[in-house]
């Protein structure tokens, strides 16, 4: 059974990359929602980095739509922007763009740093060993499990 996105729409949804209102795209492998402008940059990064799907066009499997909605509303973006949000010693000097900033170079450079270079994710200390993609997947799973507790 397929359902339309509108049935699970949240009023408070904003683009995870620039905070523009009413994002119309989902990044399936990141669990976040993005606006049309930011999506254009994600599409140029390739499917190995950003797997985008329109929220308005096409049909969704209910479990996939629910997962993306739950991840987004539960704070999945905090994984990708950890050092931007953390007031601790790893706080980044970089500023997150806003909806009115130009796409090139401001938003595009930020999106590449955030998603291609993973510049703002939590990096384990040297004692904890290197970070792997599986570590980020575990963080996403933790967000979902905490949402349902």
N, C-alpha and C. Protein backbone atom coordinates (compact mmCIF):
# COMPACT_ATOMS: atom_id res chain seq x y z
N UNK A 1 0.84 -1.19 0.00
CA UNK A 1 0.00 0.00 0.00
C UNK A 1 0.88 1.24 0.00
N UNK A 2 0.54 2.19 -0.83
CA UNK A 2 1.28 3.44 -0.92
C UNK A 2 0.39 4.58 -0.44
N UNK A 3 1.01 5.57 0.19
CA UNK A 3 0.25 6.72 0.68
C UNK A 3 0.94 8.00 0.26
N UNK A 4 0.20 9.08 0.29
CA UNK A 4 0.79 10.37 -0.06
C UNK A 4 1.43 10.98 1.16
N UNK A 5 2.41 11.85 0.95
CA UNK A 5 3.17 12.49 2.02
C UNK A 5 2.29 13.36 2.90
N UNK A 6 1.28 14.00 2.33
CA UNK A 6 0.47 14.96 3.05
C UNK A 6 -0.17 14.43 4.32
N UNK A 7 -0.35 13.14 4.42
CA UNK A 7 -1.02 12.56 5.58
C UNK A 7 -0.18 12.64 6.86
N UNK A 8 1.12 12.84 6.73
CA UNK A 8 1.99 12.90 7.91
C UNK A 8 2.72 14.24 8.02
N UNK A 9 2.19 15.25 7.42
CA UNK A 9 2.86 16.55 7.38
C UNK A 9 2.88 17.23 8.75
N UNK A 10 4.02 17.76 9.12
CA UNK A 10 4.15 18.50 10.37
C UNK A 10 4.28 19.98 10.06
N UNK A 11 3.60 20.82 10.79
CA UNK A 11 3.63 22.26 10.55
C UNK A 11 5.03 22.83 10.77
N UNK A 12 5.80 22.28 11.69
CA UNK A 12 7.09 22.84 12.07
C UNK A 12 8.26 22.38 11.19
N UNK A 13 8.01 21.66 10.09
CA UNK A 13 9.10 21.14 9.28
C UNK A 13 9.81 22.25 8.53
N UNK A 14 11.14 22.21 8.60
CA UNK A 14 11.99 23.15 7.87
C UNK A 14 13.13 22.38 7.22
N UNK A 15 13.76 22.99 6.22
CA UNK A 15 14.90 22.38 5.55
C UNK A 15 16.03 22.16 6.57
N UNK A 16 16.58 20.97 6.57
CA UNK A 16 17.65 20.63 7.52
C UNK A 16 18.96 21.35 7.20
N UNK A 17 19.10 21.85 5.97
CA UNK A 17 20.35 22.50 5.59
C UNK A 17 20.30 24.02 5.64
N UNK A 18 19.11 24.63 5.44
CA UNK A 18 19.05 26.09 5.43
C UNK A 18 17.86 26.67 6.20
N UNK A 19 17.06 25.84 6.80
CA UNK A 19 15.87 26.20 7.60
C UNK A 19 14.76 26.87 6.79
N UNK A 20 14.75 26.71 5.46
CA UNK A 20 13.64 27.22 4.66
C UNK A 20 12.37 26.46 5.06
N UNK A 21 11.22 27.14 5.10
CA UNK A 21 9.99 26.45 5.49
C UNK A 21 9.51 25.48 4.41
N UNK A 22 8.74 24.51 4.83
CA UNK A 22 8.05 23.57 3.95
C UNK A 22 8.98 22.81 3.00
N UNK A 23 9.90 22.01 3.52
CA UNK A 23 10.78 21.23 2.65
C UNK A 23 9.97 20.24 1.81
N UNK A 24 10.42 20.01 0.59
CA UNK A 24 9.67 19.15 -0.33
C UNK A 24 10.44 17.90 -0.75
N UNK A 25 11.59 17.67 -0.17
CA UNK A 25 12.41 16.51 -0.50
C UNK A 25 12.87 15.82 0.78
N UNK A 26 13.04 14.50 0.71
CA UNK A 26 13.58 13.72 1.82
C UNK A 26 14.91 13.13 1.40
N UNK A 27 15.86 13.11 2.31
CA UNK A 27 17.10 12.38 2.10
C UNK A 27 16.95 11.06 2.84
N UNK A 28 16.71 10.01 2.08
CA UNK A 28 16.40 8.71 2.67
C UNK A 28 17.53 8.17 3.53
N UNK A 29 18.76 8.37 3.11
CA UNK A 29 19.89 7.81 3.85
C UNK A 29 20.37 8.72 4.98
N UNK A 30 19.77 9.89 5.15
CA UNK A 30 20.14 10.80 6.23
C UNK A 30 19.01 11.02 7.21
N UNK A 31 17.79 10.73 6.81
CA UNK A 31 16.65 10.91 7.70
C UNK A 31 16.29 12.37 7.92
N UNK A 32 16.50 13.19 6.89
CA UNK A 32 16.21 14.62 7.01
C UNK A 32 15.39 15.09 5.81
N UNK A 33 14.82 16.29 5.95
CA UNK A 33 14.04 16.91 4.89
C UNK A 33 14.77 18.15 4.40
N UNK A 34 14.73 18.41 3.08
CA UNK A 34 15.39 19.57 2.51
C UNK A 34 14.48 20.28 1.51
N UNK A 35 14.80 21.55 1.26
CA UNK A 35 14.03 22.37 0.32
C UNK A 35 14.49 22.09 -1.12
N UNK A 36 13.77 22.66 -2.07
CA UNK A 36 14.10 22.49 -3.49
C UNK A 36 15.52 22.96 -3.81
N UNK A 37 15.90 24.13 -3.30
CA UNK A 37 17.23 24.66 -3.59
C UNK A 37 18.34 23.74 -3.08
N UNK A 38 18.23 23.34 -1.82
CA UNK A 38 19.26 22.47 -1.25
C UNK A 38 19.26 21.10 -1.93
N UNK A 39 18.09 20.64 -2.35
CA UNK A 39 18.01 19.36 -3.05
C UNK A 39 18.83 19.38 -4.33
N UNK A 40 18.84 20.51 -5.01
CA UNK A 40 19.61 20.59 -6.26
C UNK A 40 21.09 20.31 -6.01
N UNK A 41 21.61 20.74 -4.88
CA UNK A 41 23.00 20.45 -4.53
C UNK A 41 23.15 18.98 -4.18
N UNK A 42 22.21 18.45 -3.41
CA UNK A 42 22.28 17.03 -3.03
C UNK A 42 22.27 16.13 -4.26
N UNK A 43 21.46 16.46 -5.24
CA UNK A 43 21.40 15.65 -6.46
C UNK A 43 22.75 15.63 -7.17
N UNK A 44 23.49 16.72 -7.08
CA UNK A 44 24.80 16.78 -7.74
C UNK A 44 25.87 15.98 -6.98
N UNK A 45 25.61 15.65 -5.72
CA UNK A 45 26.59 14.90 -4.92
C UNK A 45 26.61 13.42 -5.28
N UNK A 46 25.52 12.92 -5.83
CA UNK A 46 25.43 11.51 -6.20
C UNK A 46 24.70 10.69 -5.16
N UNK A 47 24.13 9.55 -5.60
CA UNK A 47 23.33 8.68 -4.73
C UNK A 47 24.16 8.01 -3.64
N UNK A 48 25.45 7.92 -3.81
CA UNK A 48 26.28 7.31 -2.77
C UNK A 48 26.38 8.23 -1.55
N UNK A 49 26.03 9.52 -1.73
CA UNK A 49 26.05 10.47 -0.61
C UNK A 49 24.64 10.87 -0.21
N UNK A 50 23.81 11.25 -1.17
CA UNK A 50 22.46 11.72 -0.88
C UNK A 50 21.43 11.00 -1.74
N UNK A 51 20.56 10.28 -1.08
CA UNK A 51 19.48 9.58 -1.78
C UNK A 51 18.20 10.39 -1.58
N UNK A 52 17.85 11.20 -2.59
CA UNK A 52 16.72 12.11 -2.46
C UNK A 52 15.45 11.52 -3.06
N UNK A 53 14.32 11.90 -2.45
CA UNK A 53 13.02 11.49 -2.95
C UNK A 53 12.03 12.62 -2.67
N UNK A 54 11.23 12.92 -3.67
CA UNK A 54 10.24 13.98 -3.55
C UNK A 54 9.15 13.61 -2.56
N UNK A 55 8.77 14.57 -1.73
CA UNK A 55 7.67 14.36 -0.79
C UNK A 55 6.31 14.62 -1.45
N UNK A 56 6.32 15.33 -2.58
CA UNK A 56 5.07 15.71 -3.22
C UNK A 56 4.75 14.90 -4.46
N UNK A 57 5.76 14.38 -5.12
CA UNK A 57 5.55 13.62 -6.35
C UNK A 57 5.84 12.15 -6.08
N UNK A 58 5.02 11.31 -6.60
CA UNK A 58 5.25 9.88 -6.44
C UNK A 58 4.64 9.32 -5.17
N UNK A 59 4.62 8.02 -5.11
CA UNK A 59 4.03 7.32 -3.97
C UNK A 59 5.11 6.84 -3.02
N UNK A 60 4.74 6.71 -1.77
CA UNK A 60 5.64 6.26 -0.72
C UNK A 60 5.12 4.98 -0.09
N UNK A 61 6.00 4.08 0.24
CA UNK A 61 5.67 2.92 1.07
C UNK A 61 5.44 3.48 2.47
N UNK A 62 4.35 3.12 3.14
CA UNK A 62 4.05 3.70 4.46
C UNK A 62 5.19 3.57 5.47
N UNK A 63 5.88 2.43 5.50
CA UNK A 63 6.95 2.26 6.49
C UNK A 63 8.14 3.17 6.18
N UNK A 64 8.44 3.38 4.91
CA UNK A 64 9.54 4.26 4.54
C UNK A 64 9.21 5.71 4.86
N UNK A 65 7.99 6.12 4.55
CA UNK A 65 7.56 7.48 4.85
C UNK A 65 7.56 7.72 6.35
N UNK A 66 7.07 6.76 7.09
CA UNK A 66 7.03 6.88 8.55
C UNK A 66 8.44 6.97 9.12
N UNK A 67 9.36 6.17 8.59
CA UNK A 67 10.74 6.18 9.07
C UNK A 67 11.38 7.55 8.84
N UNK A 68 11.24 8.09 7.63
CA UNK A 68 11.85 9.39 7.32
C UNK A 68 11.22 10.47 8.19
N UNK A 69 9.91 10.44 8.32
CA UNK A 69 9.22 11.43 9.15
C UNK A 69 9.69 11.33 10.61
N UNK A 70 9.78 10.11 11.13
CA UNK A 70 10.21 9.92 12.52
C UNK A 70 11.65 10.36 12.74
N UNK A 71 12.54 10.01 11.81
CA UNK A 71 13.93 10.42 11.94
C UNK A 71 14.06 11.94 11.91
N UNK A 72 13.36 12.56 10.98
CA UNK A 72 13.42 14.02 10.85
C UNK A 72 12.88 14.71 12.09
N UNK A 73 11.72 14.29 12.54
CA UNK A 73 11.10 14.94 13.70
C UNK A 73 11.78 14.60 15.02
N UNK A 74 12.58 13.54 15.02
CA UNK A 74 13.27 13.13 16.24
C UNK A 74 14.68 13.69 16.36
N UNK A 75 15.08 14.51 15.40
CA UNK A 75 16.38 15.16 15.52
C UNK A 75 17.53 14.49 14.79
N UNK A 76 17.26 13.75 13.72
CA UNK A 76 18.35 13.11 12.98
C UNK A 76 19.37 14.12 12.48
N UNK A 77 18.92 15.34 12.19
CA UNK A 77 19.85 16.36 11.69
C UNK A 77 20.95 16.68 12.70
N UNK A 78 20.69 16.45 13.97
CA UNK A 78 21.71 16.72 14.98
C UNK A 78 22.93 15.81 14.83
N UNK A 79 22.77 14.67 14.20
CA UNK A 79 23.92 13.79 13.93
C UNK A 79 24.84 14.45 12.92
N UNK A 80 24.26 15.03 11.88
CA UNK A 80 25.04 15.62 10.79
C UNK A 80 25.57 17.00 11.14
N UNK A 81 25.00 17.63 12.19
CA UNK A 81 25.43 18.97 12.61
C UNK A 81 25.90 19.00 14.06
N UNK A 82 26.45 17.91 14.54
CA UNK A 82 26.82 17.77 15.94
C UNK A 82 27.72 18.92 16.42
N UNK A 83 28.79 19.20 15.68
CA UNK A 83 29.73 20.21 16.16
C UNK A 83 29.19 21.64 16.00
N UNK A 84 28.16 21.82 15.19
CA UNK A 84 27.52 23.13 15.08
C UNK A 84 26.61 23.38 16.28
N UNK A 85 26.08 22.29 16.84
CA UNK A 85 25.12 22.39 17.94
C UNK A 85 25.77 22.25 19.31
N UNK A 86 26.90 21.57 19.38
CA UNK A 86 27.55 21.27 20.65
C UNK A 86 28.28 22.51 21.18
N UNK A 87 27.95 22.97 22.39
CA UNK A 87 28.63 24.13 22.95
C UNK A 87 30.02 23.82 23.49
N UNK A 88 30.43 22.58 23.39
CA UNK A 88 31.71 22.15 23.95
C UNK A 88 32.92 22.54 23.11
N UNK A 89 34.03 21.88 23.34
CA UNK A 89 35.31 22.25 22.72
C UNK A 89 35.35 22.02 21.21
N UNK A 90 34.40 21.24 20.65
CA UNK A 90 34.42 20.94 19.23
C UNK A 90 33.56 21.91 18.42
N UNK A 91 33.04 22.93 19.07
CA UNK A 91 32.16 23.87 18.39
C UNK A 91 32.83 24.41 17.13
N UNK A 92 32.10 24.33 16.04
CA UNK A 92 32.63 24.77 14.75
C UNK A 92 32.52 26.28 14.62
N UNK A 93 33.44 26.85 13.89
CA UNK A 93 33.40 28.28 13.59
C UNK A 93 32.44 28.54 12.42
N UNK A 94 32.02 27.50 11.76
CA UNK A 94 31.16 27.60 10.58
C UNK A 94 29.74 27.94 10.99
N UNK A 95 29.07 28.72 10.16
CA UNK A 95 27.69 29.12 10.39
C UNK A 95 26.78 28.37 9.42
N UNK A 96 25.67 27.89 9.92
CA UNK A 96 24.68 27.25 9.07
C UNK A 96 23.99 28.33 8.24
N UNK A 97 23.84 28.10 6.92
CA UNK A 97 23.17 29.11 6.10
C UNK A 97 21.68 29.21 6.43
N UNK A 98 21.08 30.33 6.07
CA UNK A 98 19.64 30.46 6.22
C UNK A 98 18.99 30.49 4.85
N UNK A 99 17.68 30.49 4.81
CA UNK A 99 16.94 30.36 3.56
C UNK A 99 17.25 31.48 2.57
N UNK A 100 17.61 32.66 3.05
CA UNK A 100 17.85 33.80 2.16
C UNK A 100 19.28 33.87 1.62
N UNK A 101 20.18 33.04 2.13
CA UNK A 101 21.55 33.03 1.64
C UNK A 101 21.58 32.51 0.21
N UNK A 102 22.58 32.94 -0.58
CA UNK A 102 22.68 32.46 -1.96
C UNK A 102 23.02 30.97 -2.01
N UNK A 103 22.47 30.30 -3.02
CA UNK A 103 22.74 28.87 -3.18
C UNK A 103 24.23 28.63 -3.43
N UNK A 104 24.79 29.41 -4.35
CA UNK A 104 26.22 29.28 -4.66
C UNK A 104 26.92 30.56 -4.25
N UNK A 105 27.95 30.53 -3.47
CA UNK A 105 28.60 29.35 -2.93
C UNK A 105 28.13 28.97 -1.53
N UNK A 106 27.36 29.83 -0.85
CA UNK A 106 27.09 29.66 0.58
C UNK A 106 26.44 28.33 0.92
N UNK A 107 25.23 28.08 0.41
CA UNK A 107 24.53 26.83 0.75
C UNK A 107 25.25 25.61 0.18
N UNK A 108 25.71 25.71 -1.05
CA UNK A 108 26.37 24.57 -1.70
C UNK A 108 27.63 24.15 -0.94
N UNK A 109 28.44 25.11 -0.53
CA UNK A 109 29.66 24.78 0.22
C UNK A 109 29.32 24.14 1.56
N UNK A 110 28.29 24.65 2.24
CA UNK A 110 27.87 24.09 3.51
C UNK A 110 27.38 22.65 3.34
N UNK A 111 26.55 22.42 2.32
CA UNK A 111 26.00 21.08 2.08
C UNK A 111 27.10 20.09 1.75
N UNK A 112 28.07 20.50 0.95
CA UNK A 112 29.20 19.60 0.64
C UNK A 112 30.00 19.29 1.91
N UNK A 113 30.26 20.30 2.72
CA UNK A 113 30.99 20.06 3.97
C UNK A 113 30.20 19.13 4.88
N UNK A 114 28.92 19.38 5.02
CA UNK A 114 28.07 18.61 5.94
C UNK A 114 27.86 17.17 5.49
N UNK A 115 27.55 16.96 4.22
CA UNK A 115 27.15 15.63 3.77
C UNK A 115 28.24 14.85 3.03
N UNK A 116 29.07 15.53 2.27
CA UNK A 116 30.12 14.83 1.54
C UNK A 116 31.34 14.61 2.42
N UNK A 117 31.73 15.64 3.16
CA UNK A 117 32.93 15.55 4.00
C UNK A 117 32.63 15.17 5.44
N UNK A 118 31.35 15.13 5.81
CA UNK A 118 30.93 14.83 7.19
C UNK A 118 31.69 15.70 8.19
N UNK A 119 31.82 16.97 7.86
CA UNK A 119 32.63 17.91 8.64
C UNK A 119 32.08 18.21 10.02
N UNK A 120 30.79 18.00 10.25
CA UNK A 120 30.19 18.41 11.51
C UNK A 120 29.71 17.24 12.38
N UNK A 121 30.00 16.00 11.99
CA UNK A 121 29.59 14.85 12.80
C UNK A 121 30.51 14.70 13.99
N UNK A 122 30.02 14.02 15.01
CA UNK A 122 30.83 13.75 16.20
C UNK A 122 31.95 12.79 15.83
N UNK A 123 33.16 13.18 16.11
CA UNK A 123 34.32 12.32 15.87
C UNK A 123 34.78 11.74 17.20
N UNK A 124 34.93 10.43 17.26
CA UNK A 124 35.40 9.84 18.51
C UNK A 124 36.82 10.29 18.84
N UNK A 125 37.14 10.22 20.10
CA UNK A 125 38.51 10.57 20.51
C UNK A 125 39.47 9.51 19.98
N UNK A 126 40.74 9.81 20.01
CA UNK A 126 41.74 8.86 19.52
C UNK A 126 41.67 7.54 20.29
N UNK A 127 41.28 7.60 21.55
CA UNK A 127 41.18 6.39 22.37
C UNK A 127 40.03 5.50 21.94
N UNK A 128 38.98 6.09 21.33
CA UNK A 128 37.82 5.32 20.91
C UNK A 128 38.00 4.68 19.53
N UNK A 129 39.03 5.04 18.82
CA UNK A 129 39.27 4.48 17.49
C UNK A 129 38.60 5.31 16.40
N UNK A 130 38.76 4.87 15.14
CA UNK A 130 38.21 5.64 14.02
C UNK A 130 36.68 5.53 13.94
N UNK A 131 36.07 6.50 13.25
CA UNK A 131 34.63 6.50 13.05
C UNK A 131 34.32 5.80 11.73
N UNK A 132 33.27 5.01 11.72
CA UNK A 132 32.85 4.31 10.51
C UNK A 132 31.40 4.69 10.19
N UNK A 133 30.98 4.42 8.95
CA UNK A 133 29.59 4.67 8.56
C UNK A 133 28.63 3.92 9.49
N UNK A 134 29.03 2.74 9.92
CA UNK A 134 28.16 1.96 10.81
C UNK A 134 27.91 2.70 12.13
N UNK A 135 28.86 3.52 12.57
CA UNK A 135 28.66 4.32 13.78
C UNK A 135 27.54 5.33 13.58
N UNK A 136 27.50 5.97 12.42
CA UNK A 136 26.44 6.93 12.10
C UNK A 136 25.10 6.23 11.98
N UNK A 137 25.09 5.02 11.39
CA UNK A 137 23.85 4.26 11.29
C UNK A 137 23.33 3.89 12.67
N UNK A 138 24.22 3.56 13.59
CA UNK A 138 23.81 3.25 14.97
C UNK A 138 23.18 4.47 15.62
N UNK A 139 23.73 5.66 15.36
CA UNK A 139 23.15 6.88 15.92
C UNK A 139 21.74 7.10 15.39
N UNK A 140 21.53 6.85 14.10
CA UNK A 140 20.18 6.99 13.52
C UNK A 140 19.22 5.99 14.15
N UNK A 141 19.67 4.75 14.33
CA UNK A 141 18.82 3.73 14.96
C UNK A 141 18.49 4.11 16.40
N UNK A 142 19.44 4.70 17.11
CA UNK A 142 19.19 5.14 18.49
C UNK A 142 18.11 6.22 18.52
N UNK A 143 18.16 7.15 17.58
CA UNK A 143 17.15 8.20 17.53
C UNK A 143 15.76 7.60 17.34
N UNK A 144 15.65 6.65 16.42
CA UNK A 144 14.35 6.01 16.17
C UNK A 144 13.88 5.24 17.40
N UNK A 145 14.77 4.45 18.00
CA UNK A 145 14.34 3.65 19.16
C UNK A 145 13.94 4.55 20.33
N UNK A 146 14.64 5.66 20.53
CA UNK A 146 14.27 6.60 21.60
C UNK A 146 12.92 7.25 21.31
N UNK A 147 12.62 7.45 20.03
CA UNK A 147 11.36 8.08 19.64
C UNK A 147 10.18 7.18 20.01
N UNK A 148 10.37 5.86 19.93
CA UNK A 148 9.28 4.92 20.20
C UNK A 148 9.23 4.44 21.64
N UNK A 149 10.18 4.87 22.48
CA UNK A 149 10.17 4.46 23.90
C UNK A 149 9.17 5.25 24.69
